[in-house]
Amino acid sequence: MKGREDLVKETLVNPNQIRRSRKDSNVYLHYKRVNGKYNCVVAKHLNGEGFIITTYITDRIKAGEAYETN
């Protein structure tokens, strides 16, 4: 995602959907629809802080507990 840092930020700030990981309850997958696919930013939330684990483009949203976004 080098050179697409703005898309990563936009996905975190204004996602279309957020899912909690089925494997780690502190990991959230943030999805933003872009050009018919989804940008996914995987972030770990821990002790009021967090960090990005990875980010990638995908054609579908993974299973997991959904969180509402505004």
PDB file of N, CA and C in Angstrom:
ATOM      1  N   MET A   1       0.826  -1.194   0.000  1.00  0.00           N
ATOM      2  CA  MET A   1       0.000   0.000   0.000  1.00  0.00           C
ATOM      3  C   MET A   1       0.874   1.264   0.000  1.00  0.00           C
ATOM      4  N   LYS A   2       2.120   1.086  -0.308  1.00  0.00           N
ATOM      5  CA  LYS A   2       3.017   2.236  -0.385  1.00  0.00           C
ATOM      6  C   LYS A   2       2.472   3.265  -1.363  1.00  0.00           C
ATOM      7  N   GLY A   3       2.441   4.507  -0.929  1.00  0.00           N
ATOM      8  CA  GLY A   3       1.912   5.575  -1.758  1.00  0.00           C
ATOM      9  C   GLY A   3       0.403   5.751  -1.634  1.00  0.00           C
ATOM     10  N   ARG A   4      -0.251   4.887  -0.860  1.00  0.00           N
ATOM     11  CA  ARG A   4      -1.709   4.970  -0.687  1.00  0.00           C
ATOM     12  C   ARG A   4      -2.070   5.177   0.785  1.00  0.00           C
ATOM     13  N   GLU A   5      -1.208   5.890   1.476  1.00  0.00           N
ATOM     14  CA  GLU A   5      -1.414   6.129   2.900  1.00  0.00           C
ATOM     15  C   GLU A   5      -2.719   6.862   3.176  1.00  0.00           C
ATOM     16  N   ASP A   6      -3.129   7.747   2.265  1.00  0.00           N
ATOM     17  CA  ASP A   6      -4.390   8.469   2.447  1.00  0.00           C
ATOM     18  C   ASP A   6      -5.582   7.512   2.442  1.00  0.00           C
ATOM     19  N   LEU A   7      -5.536   6.482   1.604  1.00  0.00           N
ATOM     20  CA  LEU A   7      -6.601   5.484   1.571  1.00  0.00           C
ATOM     21  C   LEU A   7      -6.640   4.698   2.883  1.00  0.00           C
ATOM     22  N   VAL A   8      -5.496   4.374   3.421  1.00  0.00           N
ATOM     23  CA  VAL A   8      -5.434   3.667   4.705  1.00  0.00           C
ATOM     24  C   VAL A   8      -6.054   4.522   5.799  1.00  0.00           C
ATOM     25  N   LYS A   9      -5.698   5.796   5.854  1.00  0.00           N
ATOM     26  CA  LYS A   9      -6.264   6.709   6.857  1.00  0.00           C
ATOM     27  C   LYS A   9      -7.771   6.840   6.693  1.00  0.00           C
ATOM     28  N   GLU A  10      -8.230   7.000   5.452  1.00  0.00           N
ATOM     29  CA  GLU A  10      -9.662   7.139   5.178  1.00  0.00           C
ATOM     30  C   GLU A  10     -10.416   5.879   5.592  1.00  0.00           C
ATOM     31  N   THR A  11      -9.825   4.722   5.377  1.00  0.00           N
ATOM     32  CA  THR A  11     -10.458   3.462   5.759  1.00  0.00           C
ATOM     33  C   THR A  11     -10.615   3.381   7.273  1.00  0.00           C
ATOM     34  N   LEU A  12      -9.620   3.840   8.014  1.00  0.00           N
ATOM     35  CA  LEU A  12      -9.705   3.816   9.480  1.00  0.00           C
ATOM     36  C   LEU A  12     -10.694   4.846  10.017  1.00  0.00           C
ATOM     37  N   VAL A  13     -10.707   6.022   9.409  1.00  0.00           N
ATOM     38  CA  VAL A  13     -11.552   7.120   9.900  1.00  0.00           C
ATOM     39  C   VAL A  13     -13.002   6.969   9.456  1.00  0.00           C
ATOM     40  N   ASN A  14     -13.221   6.494   8.237  1.00  0.00           N
ATOM     41  CA  ASN A  14     -14.564   6.442   7.663  1.00  0.00           C
ATOM     42  C   ASN A  14     -14.817   5.104   6.958  1.00  0.00           C
ATOM     43  N   PRO A  15     -14.794   3.998   7.691  1.00  0.00           N
ATOM     44  CA  PRO A  15     -14.998   2.693   7.054  1.00  0.00           C
ATOM     45  C   PRO A  15     -16.456   2.458   6.684  1.00  0.00           C
ATOM     46  N   ASN A  16     -16.683   1.599   5.694  1.00  0.00           N
ATOM     47  CA  ASN A  16     -18.040   1.154   5.385  1.00  0.00           C
ATOM     48  C   ASN A  16     -18.492   0.104   6.386  1.00  0.00           C
ATOM     49  N   GLN A  17     -17.527  -0.676   6.882  1.00  0.00           N
ATOM     50  CA  GLN A  17     -17.854  -1.727   7.828  1.00  0.00           C
ATOM     51  C   GLN A  17     -16.615  -2.084   8.656  1.00  0.00           C
ATOM     52  N   ILE A  18     -16.866  -2.500   9.892  1.00  0.00           N
ATOM     53  CA  ILE A  18     -15.804  -2.974  10.782  1.00  0.00           C
ATOM     54  C   ILE A  18     -16.210  -4.350  11.282  1.00  0.00           C
ATOM     55  N   ARG A  19     -15.273  -5.284  11.257  1.00  0.00           N
ATOM     56  CA  ARG A  19     -15.499  -6.630  11.777  1.00  0.00           C
ATOM     57  C   ARG A  19     -14.446  -6.945  12.830  1.00  0.00           C
ATOM     58  N   ARG A  20     -14.871  -7.633  13.873  1.00  0.00           N
ATOM     59  CA  ARG A  20     -13.923  -8.111  14.874  1.00  0.00           C
ATOM     60  C   ARG A  20     -13.388  -9.461  14.409  1.00  0.00           C
ATOM     61  N   SER A  21     -12.100  -9.667  14.550  1.00  0.00           N
ATOM     62  CA  SER A  21     -11.481 -10.926  14.172  1.00  0.00           C
ATOM     63  C   SER A  21     -12.064 -12.071  14.982  1.00  0.00           C
ATOM     64  N   ARG A  22     -12.237 -13.211  14.326  1.00  0.00           N
ATOM     65  CA  ARG A  22     -12.718 -14.398  15.033  1.00  0.00           C
ATOM     66  C   ARG A  22     -11.604 -15.045  15.844  1.00  0.00           C
ATOM     67  N   LYS A  23     -10.352 -14.740  15.528  1.00  0.00           N
ATOM     68  CA  LYS A  23      -9.213 -15.356  16.203  1.00  0.00           C
ATOM     69  C   LYS A  23      -8.677 -14.527  17.363  1.00  0.00           C
ATOM     70  N   ASP A  24      -8.802 -13.202  17.297  1.00  0.00           N
ATOM     71  CA  ASP A  24      -8.261 -12.317  18.330  1.00  0.00           C
ATOM     72  C   ASP A  24      -9.260 -11.189  18.564  1.00  0.00           C
ATOM     73  N   SER A  25      -9.858 -11.142  19.747  1.00  0.00           N
ATOM     74  CA  SER A  25     -10.910 -10.149  20.036  1.00  0.00           C
ATOM     75  C   SER A  25     -10.389  -8.717  20.099  1.00  0.00           C
ATOM     76  N   ASN A  26      -9.084  -8.525  20.078  1.00  0.00           N
ATOM     77  CA  ASN A  26      -8.504  -7.182  20.061  1.00  0.00           C
ATOM     78  C   ASN A  26      -8.146  -6.715  18.656  1.00  0.00           C
ATOM     79  N   VAL A  27      -8.431  -7.536  17.654  1.00  0.00           N
ATOM     80  CA  VAL A  27      -8.106  -7.199  16.267  1.00  0.00           C
ATOM     81  C   VAL A  27      -9.390  -6.885  15.508  1.00  0.00           C
ATOM     82  N   TYR A  28      -9.360  -5.767  14.780  1.00  0.00           N
ATOM     83  CA  TYR A  28     -10.510  -5.311  14.007  1.00  0.00           C
ATOM     84  C   TYR A  28     -10.112  -5.126  12.552  1.00  0.00           C
ATOM     85  N   LEU A  29     -11.017  -5.509  11.657  1.00  0.00           N
ATOM     86  CA  LEU A  29     -10.809  -5.349  10.227  1.00  0.00           C
ATOM     87  C   LEU A  29     -11.711  -4.215   9.755  1.00  0.00           C
ATOM     88  N   HIS A  30     -11.119  -3.150   9.273  1.00  0.00           N
ATOM     89  CA  HIS A  30     -11.837  -1.971   8.792  1.00  0.00           C
ATOM     90  C   HIS A  30     -11.905  -2.055   7.272  1.00  0.00           C
ATOM     91  N   TYR A  31     -13.120  -1.955   6.713  1.00  0.00           N
ATOM     92  CA  TYR A  31     -13.320  -2.092   5.275  1.00  0.00           C
ATOM     93  C   TYR A  31     -13.855  -0.804   4.666  1.00  0.00           C
ATOM     94  N   LYS A  32     -13.280  -0.428   3.531  1.00  0.00           N
ATOM     95  CA  LYS A  32     -13.735   0.730   2.755  1.00  0.00           C
ATOM     96  C   LYS A  32     -13.862   0.290   1.303  1.00  0.00           C
ATOM     97  N   ARG A  33     -15.061   0.465   0.725  1.00  0.00           N
ATOM     98  CA  ARG A  33     -15.299   0.060  -0.668  1.00  0.00           C
ATOM     99  C   ARG A  33     -14.657   1.074  -1.609  1.00  0.00           C
ATOM    100  N   VAL A  34     -13.856   0.541  -2.539  1.00  0.00           N
ATOM    101  CA  VAL A  34     -13.149   1.376  -3.509  1.00  0.00           C
ATOM    102  C   VAL A  34     -13.125   0.656  -4.851  1.00  0.00           C
ATOM    103  N   ASN A  35     -13.709   1.264  -5.875  1.00  0.00           N
ATOM    104  CA  ASN A  35     -13.682   0.712  -7.235  1.00  0.00           C
ATOM    105  C   ASN A  35     -14.130  -0.751  -7.304  1.00  0.00           C
ATOM    106  N   GLY A  36     -15.217  -1.079  -6.618  1.00  0.00           N
ATOM    107  CA  GLY A  36     -15.776  -2.419  -6.686  1.00  0.00           C
ATOM    108  C   GLY A  36     -15.096  -3.457  -5.807  1.00  0.00           C
ATOM    109  N   LYS A  37     -14.064  -3.066  -5.097  1.00  0.00           N
ATOM    110  CA  LYS A  37     -13.369  -3.967  -4.169  1.00  0.00           C
ATOM    111  C   LYS A  37     -13.330  -3.290  -2.802  1.00  0.00           C
ATOM    112  N   TYR A  38     -12.696  -3.927  -1.839  1.00  0.00           N
ATOM    113  CA  TYR A  38     -12.585  -3.360  -0.493  1.00  0.00           C
ATOM    114  C   TYR A  38     -11.123  -3.180  -0.112  1.00  0.00           C
ATOM    115  N   ASN A  39     -10.823  -2.032   0.455  1.00  0.00           N
ATOM    116  CA  ASN A  39      -9.546  -1.850   1.121  1.00  0.00           C
ATOM    117  C   ASN A  39      -9.768  -2.328   2.553  1.00  0.00           C
ATOM    118  N   CYS A  40      -8.913  -3.205   3.047  1.00  0.00           N
ATOM    119  CA  CYS A  40      -9.026  -3.721   4.407  1.00  0.00           C
ATOM    120  C   CYS A  40      -7.806  -3.297   5.202  1.00  0.00           C
ATOM    121  N   VAL A  41      -8.046  -2.665   6.343  1.00  0.00           N
ATOM    122  CA  VAL A  41      -6.971  -2.307   7.269  1.00  0.00           C
ATOM    123  C   VAL A  41      -7.202  -3.117   8.535  1.00  0.00           C
ATOM    124  N   VAL A  42      -6.235  -3.946   8.877  1.00  0.00           N
ATOM    125  CA  VAL A  42      -6.312  -4.787  10.062  1.00  0.00           C
ATOM    126  C   VAL A  42      -5.537  -4.089  11.169  1.00  0.00           C
ATOM    127  N   ALA A  43      -6.230  -3.789  12.267  1.00  0.00           N
ATOM    128  CA  ALA A  43      -5.602  -3.046  13.360  1.00  0.00           C
ATOM    129  C   ALA A  43      -5.873  -3.731  14.689  1.00  0.00           C
ATOM    130  N   LYS A  44      -4.887  -3.669  15.561  1.00  0.00           N
ATOM    131  CA  LYS A  44      -5.036  -4.229  16.899  1.00  0.00           C
ATOM    132  C   LYS A  44      -5.254  -3.083  17.865  1.00  0.00           C
ATOM    133  N   HIS A  45      -6.298  -3.209  18.698  1.00  0.00           N
ATOM    134  CA  HIS A  45      -6.627  -2.209  19.708  1.00  0.00           C
ATOM    135  C   HIS A  45      -6.227  -2.792  21.056  1.00  0.00           C
ATOM    136  N   LEU A  46      -5.386  -2.068  21.797  1.00  0.00           N
ATOM    137  CA  LEU A  46      -4.881  -2.596  23.047  1.00  0.00           C
ATOM    138  C   LEU A  46      -4.634  -1.456  24.025  1.00  0.00           C
ATOM    139  N   ASN A  47      -5.251  -1.528  25.204  1.00  0.00           N
ATOM    140  CA  ASN A  47      -5.049  -0.546  26.272  1.00  0.00           C
ATOM    141  C   ASN A  47      -5.287   0.894  25.819  1.00  0.00           C
ATOM    142  N   GLY A  48      -6.337   1.098  25.035  1.00  0.00           N
ATOM    143  CA  GLY A  48      -6.680   2.449  24.588  1.00  0.00           C
ATOM    144  C   GLY A  48      -5.835   2.950  23.426  1.00  0.00           C
ATOM    145  N   GLU A  49      -4.918   2.143  22.944  1.00  0.00           N
ATOM    146  CA  GLU A  49      -4.083   2.500  21.803  1.00  0.00           C
ATOM    147  C   GLU A  49      -4.191   1.389  20.777  1.00  0.00           C
ATOM    148  N   GLY A  50      -3.525   1.546  19.675  1.00  0.00           N
ATOM    149  CA  GLY A  50      -3.578   0.513  18.661  1.00  0.00           C
ATOM    150  C   GLY A  50      -2.489   0.689  17.630  1.00  0.00           C
ATOM    151  N   PHE A  51      -2.418  -0.298  16.739  1.00  0.00           N
ATOM    152  CA  PHE A  51      -1.453  -0.227  15.658  1.00  0.00           C
ATOM    153  C   PHE A  51      -1.970  -1.040  14.482  1.00  0.00           C
ATOM    154  N   ILE A  52      -1.497  -0.695  13.293  1.00  0.00           N
ATOM    155  CA  ILE A  52      -1.888  -1.396  12.079  1.00  0.00           C
ATOM    156  C   ILE A  52      -1.035  -2.645  11.933  1.00  0.00           C
ATOM    157  N   ILE A  53      -1.710  -3.768  11.700  1.00  0.00           N
ATOM    158  CA  ILE A  53      -1.013  -5.033  11.467  1.00  0.00           C
ATOM    159  C   ILE A  53      -0.692  -5.168   9.982  1.00  0.00           C
ATOM    160  N   THR A  54      -1.705  -4.952   9.143  1.00  0.00           N
ATOM    161  CA  THR A  54      -1.517  -5.032   7.691  1.00  0.00           C
ATOM    162  C   THR A  54      -2.673  -4.324   6.999  1.00  0.00           C
ATOM    163  N   THR A  55      -2.536  -4.128   5.718  1.00  0.00           N
ATOM    164  CA  THR A  55      -3.608  -3.572   4.894  1.00  0.00           C
ATOM    165  C   THR A  55      -3.522  -4.209   3.508  1.00  0.00           C
ATOM    166  N   TYR A  56      -4.683  -4.452   2.910  1.00  0.00           N
ATOM    167  CA  TYR A  56      -4.703  -5.121   1.612  1.00  0.00           C
ATOM    168  C   TYR A  56      -6.019  -4.855   0.902  1.00  0.00           C
ATOM    169  N   ILE A  57      -6.051  -5.150  -0.401  1.00  0.00           N
ATOM    170  CA  ILE A  57      -7.258  -5.045  -1.214  1.00  0.00           C
ATOM    171  C   ILE A  57      -7.871  -6.443  -1.323  1.00  0.00           C
ATOM    172  N   THR A  58      -9.196  -6.533  -1.187  1.00  0.00           N
ATOM    173  CA  THR A  58      -9.884  -7.818  -1.266  1.00  0.00           C
ATOM    174  C   THR A  58     -11.220  -7.641  -1.982  1.00  0.00           C
ATOM    175  N   ASP A  59     -11.786  -8.756  -2.439  1.00  0.00           N
ATOM    176  CA  ASP A  59     -13.077  -8.676  -3.120  1.00  0.00           C
ATOM    177  C   ASP A  59     -14.242  -9.033  -2.211  1.00  0.00           C
ATOM    178  N   ARG A  60     -13.946  -9.431  -0.960  1.00  0.00           N
ATOM    179  CA  ARG A  60     -15.051  -9.754  -0.050  1.00  0.00           C
ATOM    180  C   ARG A  60     -14.669  -9.432   1.405  1.00  0.00           C
ATOM    181  N   ILE A  61     -15.698  -9.269   2.203  1.00  0.00           N
ATOM    182  CA  ILE A  61     -15.529  -9.002   3.630  1.00  0.00           C
ATOM    183  C   ILE A  61     -15.491 -10.336   4.360  1.00  0.00           C
ATOM    184  N   LYS A  62     -14.528 -10.495   5.254  1.00  0.00           N
ATOM    185  CA  LYS A  62     -14.395 -11.744   6.009  1.00  0.00           C
ATOM    186  C   LYS A  62     -15.497 -11.876   7.049  1.00  0.00           C
ATOM    187  N   ALA A  63     -15.735 -13.117   7.458  1.00  0.00           N
ATOM    188  CA  ALA A  63     -16.701 -13.382   8.519  1.00  0.00           C
ATOM    189  C   ALA A  63     -16.167 -12.831   9.832  1.00  0.00           C
ATOM    190  N   GLY A  64     -17.071 -12.504  10.719  1.00  0.00           N
ATOM    191  CA  GLY A  64     -16.710 -11.978  12.022  1.00  0.00           C
ATOM    192  C   GLY A  64     -17.828 -11.108  12.548  1.00  0.00           C
ATOM    193  N   GLU A  65     -17.746 -10.758  13.796  1.00  0.00           N
ATOM    194  CA  GLU A  65     -18.766  -9.915  14.415  1.00  0.00           C
ATOM    195  C   GLU A  65     -18.723  -8.520  13.808  1.00  0.00           C
ATOM    196  N   ALA A  66     -19.845  -8.061  13.274  1.00  0.00           N
ATOM    197  CA  ALA A  66     -19.924  -6.750  12.625  1.00  0.00           C
ATOM    198  C   ALA A  66     -20.177  -5.654  13.641  1.00  0.00           C
ATOM    199  N   TYR A  67     -19.560  -4.496  13.411  1.00  0.00           N
ATOM    200  CA  TYR A  67     -19.778  -3.306  14.214  1.00  0.00           C
ATOM    201  C   TYR A  67     -20.397  -2.245  13.322  1.00  0.00           C
ATOM    202  N   GLU A  68     -21.326  -1.488  13.885  1.00  0.00           N
ATOM    203  CA  GLU A  68     -21.982  -0.423  13.128  1.00  0.00           C
ATOM    204  C   GLU A  68     -21.027   0.734  12.906  1.00  0.00           C
ATOM    205  N   THR A  69     -21.104   1.352  11.728  1.00  0.00           N
ATOM    206  CA  THR A  69     -20.382   2.582  11.445  1.00  0.00           C
ATOM    207  C   THR A  69     -21.393   3.642  11.071  1.00  0.00           C
ATOM    208  N   ASN A  70     -21.028   4.862  11.269  1.00  0.00           N
ATOM    209  CA  ASN A  70     -21.948   5.973  10.957  1.00  0.00           C
ATOM    210  C   ASN A  70     -21.885   6.361   9.518  1.00  0.00           C
TER     211      ASN A  70
END
